[in-house]
C-alpha atoms as a PDB file:
ATOM      1  CA  MET A   1     -30.655  -1.225  35.997  1.00  0.00           C
ATOM      2  CA  LYS A   2     -31.773   1.007  33.218  1.00  0.00           C
ATOM      3  CA  PHE A   3     -34.398   3.544  33.546  1.00  0.00           C
ATOM      4  CA  LYS A   4     -36.022   6.225  31.316  1.00  0.00           C
ATOM      5  CA  GLN A   5     -35.747   9.911  32.245  1.00  0.00           C
ATOM      6  CA  ASN A   6     -39.475  10.840  33.380  1.00  0.00           C
ATOM      7  CA  ILE A   7     -39.112  14.348  34.284  1.00  0.00           C
ATOM      8  CA  SER A   8     -38.545  17.558  32.487  1.00  0.00           C
ATOM      9  CA  ILE A   9     -35.865  19.845  32.754  1.00  0.00           C
ATOM     10  CA  ILE A  10     -37.697  22.539  34.724  1.00  0.00           C
ATOM     11  CA  ASN A  11     -38.832  20.151  36.943  1.00  0.00           C
ATOM     12  CA  ALA A  12     -35.652  18.750  37.620  1.00  0.00           C
ATOM     13  CA  LEU A  13     -34.291  22.334  38.222  1.00  0.00           C
ATOM     14  CA  MET A  14     -36.820  22.944  40.649  1.00  0.00           C
ATOM     15  CA  ARG A  15     -36.247  19.610  42.515  1.00  0.00           C
ATOM     16  CA  ILE A  16     -32.531  20.404  42.764  1.00  0.00           C
ATOM     17  CA  THR A  17     -33.092  23.923  44.069  1.00  0.00           C
ATOM     18  CA  CYS A  18     -35.841  22.990  46.668  1.00  0.00           C
ATOM     19  CA  GLY A  19     -33.636  20.000  47.498  1.00  0.00           C
ATOM     20  CA  PHE A  20     -30.638  22.156  48.402  1.00  0.00           C
ATOM     21  CA  THR A  21     -32.616  24.833  50.211  1.00  0.00           C
ATOM     22  CA  PHE A  22     -34.348  22.359  52.435  1.00  0.00           C
ATOM     23  CA  LEU A  23     -30.832  20.350  52.984  1.00  0.00           C
ATOM     24  CA  THR A  24     -29.199  23.745  54.115  1.00  0.00           C
ATOM     25  CA  TRP A  25     -32.102  24.665  56.259  1.00  0.00           C
ATOM     26  CA  ALA A  26     -31.980  21.320  57.986  1.00  0.00           C
ATOM     27  CA  MET A  27     -28.322  21.254  58.344  1.00  0.00           C
ATOM     28  CA  ALA A  28     -28.210  24.744  59.787  1.00  0.00           C
ATOM     29  CA  LYS A  29     -30.813  23.392  62.386  1.00  0.00           C
ATOM     30  CA  MET A  30     -28.659  20.392  63.116  1.00  0.00           C
ATOM     31  CA  VAL A  31     -25.768  22.527  63.939  1.00  0.00           C
ATOM     32  CA  LYS A  32     -27.546  24.850  66.128  1.00  0.00           C
ATOM     33  CA  LYS A  33     -29.410  22.028  68.143  1.00  0.00           C
ATOM     34  CA  PRO A  34     -27.409  18.882  67.701  1.00  0.00           C
ATOM     35  CA  TRP A  35     -29.477  16.903  70.409  1.00  0.00           C
ATOM     36  CA  LYS A  36     -32.497  17.433  68.361  1.00  0.00           C
ATOM     37  CA  ASN A  37     -31.502  16.101  65.025  1.00  0.00           C
ATOM     38  CA  GLN A  38     -33.795  13.156  64.518  1.00  0.00           C
ATOM     39  CA  SER A  39     -36.420  15.190  63.129  1.00  0.00           C
ATOM     40  CA  TYR A  40     -34.338  17.005  60.728  1.00  0.00           C
ATOM     41  CA  LEU A  41     -32.467  13.989  59.669  1.00  0.00           C
ATOM     42  CA  VAL A  42     -35.666  12.912  57.801  1.00  0.00           C
ATOM     43  CA  VAL A  43     -35.741  16.369  56.157  1.00  0.00           C
ATOM     44  CA  VAL A  44     -31.856  15.812  55.181  1.00  0.00           C
ATOM     45  CA  MET A  45     -32.729  12.328  53.683  1.00  0.00           C
ATOM     46  CA  ILE A  46     -35.817  13.589  51.650  1.00  0.00           C
ATOM     47  CA  SER A  47     -33.911  16.586  50.525  1.00  0.00           C
ATOM     48  CA  ALA A  48     -30.967  14.340  49.222  1.00  0.00           C
ATOM     49  CA  MET A  49     -33.371  12.181  47.533  1.00  0.00           C
ATOM     50  CA  LYS A  50     -35.110  15.250  45.678  1.00  0.00           C
ATOM     51  CA  ILE A  51     -31.488  16.298  44.624  1.00  0.00           C
ATOM     52  CA  GLY A  52     -30.590  12.865  43.319  1.00  0.00           C
ATOM     53  CA  GLU A  53     -34.046  12.924  41.497  1.00  0.00           C
ATOM     54  CA  GLY A  54     -33.102  16.171  39.907  1.00  0.00           C
ATOM     55  CA  ILE A  55     -29.756  15.132  38.830  1.00  0.00           C
ATOM     56  CA  LEU A  56     -30.887  11.886  37.160  1.00  0.00           C
ATOM     57  CA  ARG A  57     -34.201  13.336  35.904  1.00  0.00           C
ATOM     58  CA  TYR A  58     -35.881  10.160  37.171  1.00  0.00           C
ATOM     59  CA  CYS A  59     -38.596   9.968  39.880  1.00  0.00           C
ATOM     60  CA  PRO A  60     -39.782   6.492  40.897  1.00  0.00           C
ATOM     61  CA  ILE A  61     -43.133   7.833  42.221  1.00  0.00           C
ATOM     62  CA  VAL A  62     -44.020   9.223  38.773  1.00  0.00           C
ATOM     63  CA  ASP A  63     -42.831   6.162  37.348  1.00  0.00           C
ATOM     64  CA  ALA A  64     -45.021   4.009  39.463  1.00  0.00           C
ATOM     65  CA  MET A  65     -48.069   6.336  38.843  1.00  0.00           C
ATOM     66  CA  GLU A  66     -47.555   6.083  35.006  1.00  0.00           C
ATOM     67  CA  ASN A  67     -47.150   2.166  35.276  1.00  0.00           C
ATOM     68  CA  GLY A  68     -50.263   2.186  37.531  1.00  0.00           C
ATOM     69  CA  GLN A  69     -52.277   4.047  35.097  1.00  0.00           C
ATOM     70  CA  THR A  70     -51.362   1.936  31.957  1.00  0.00           C
ATOM     71  CA  PHE A  71     -51.989  -1.229  34.143  1.00  0.00           C
ATOM     72  CA  MET A  72     -55.568   0.017  35.118  1.00  0.00           C
ATOM     73  CA  LYS A  73     -56.301   1.052  31.544  1.00  0.00           C
ATOM     74  CA  LYS A  74     -55.307  -2.471  30.176  1.00  0.00           C
ATOM     75  CA  GLU A  75     -57.361  -4.156  32.870  1.00  0.00           C
ATOM     76  CA  GLN A  76     -60.229  -2.125  32.174  1.00  0.00           C
ATOM     77  CA  ASN A  77     -60.048  -2.836  28.568  1.00  0.00           C
ATOM     78  CA  GLN A  78     -59.777  -6.635  29.292  1.00  0.00           C
ATOM     79  CA  GLU A  79     -62.721  -6.234  31.434  1.00  0.00           C
ATOM     80  CA  TYR A  80     -64.690  -4.708  28.697  1.00  0.00           C
ATOM     81  CA  ASP A  81     -63.486  -7.315  25.919  1.00  0.00           C
ATOM     82  CA  SER A  82     -64.539 -10.343  28.255  1.00  0.00           C
ATOM     83  CA  ASN A  83     -67.844  -9.201  29.563  1.00  0.00           C
ATOM     84  CA  PRO A  84     -70.136  -8.291  26.500  1.00  0.00           C
ATOM     85  CA  SER A  85     -72.914  -6.233  27.573  1.00  0.00           C
ATOM     86  CA  ASP A  86     -76.281  -7.526  28.091  1.00  0.00           C
ATOM     87  CA  SER A  87     -78.798  -6.216  25.607  1.00  0.00           C
ATOM     88  CA  TYR A  88     -82.497  -6.885  26.121  1.00  0.00           C
END
């Protein structure tokens, strides 16, 4: 699977920093209260995802938004081309 990097270096560094911050916070909470780890497990998974996005400099959500916007623009242009305006 090939993908193009779609986030900047500053954005990637912020994602890595915040990801590691939330990961260490959630892991510390899981160590203190191991019986309540289900809610912290979600934070761990999201944090790991953000770290991975920062390292790869690829965000699937940004990619989906960009593809959706280009799709909508193409669809809008086709709509204007196929329906000529009625002039009276």
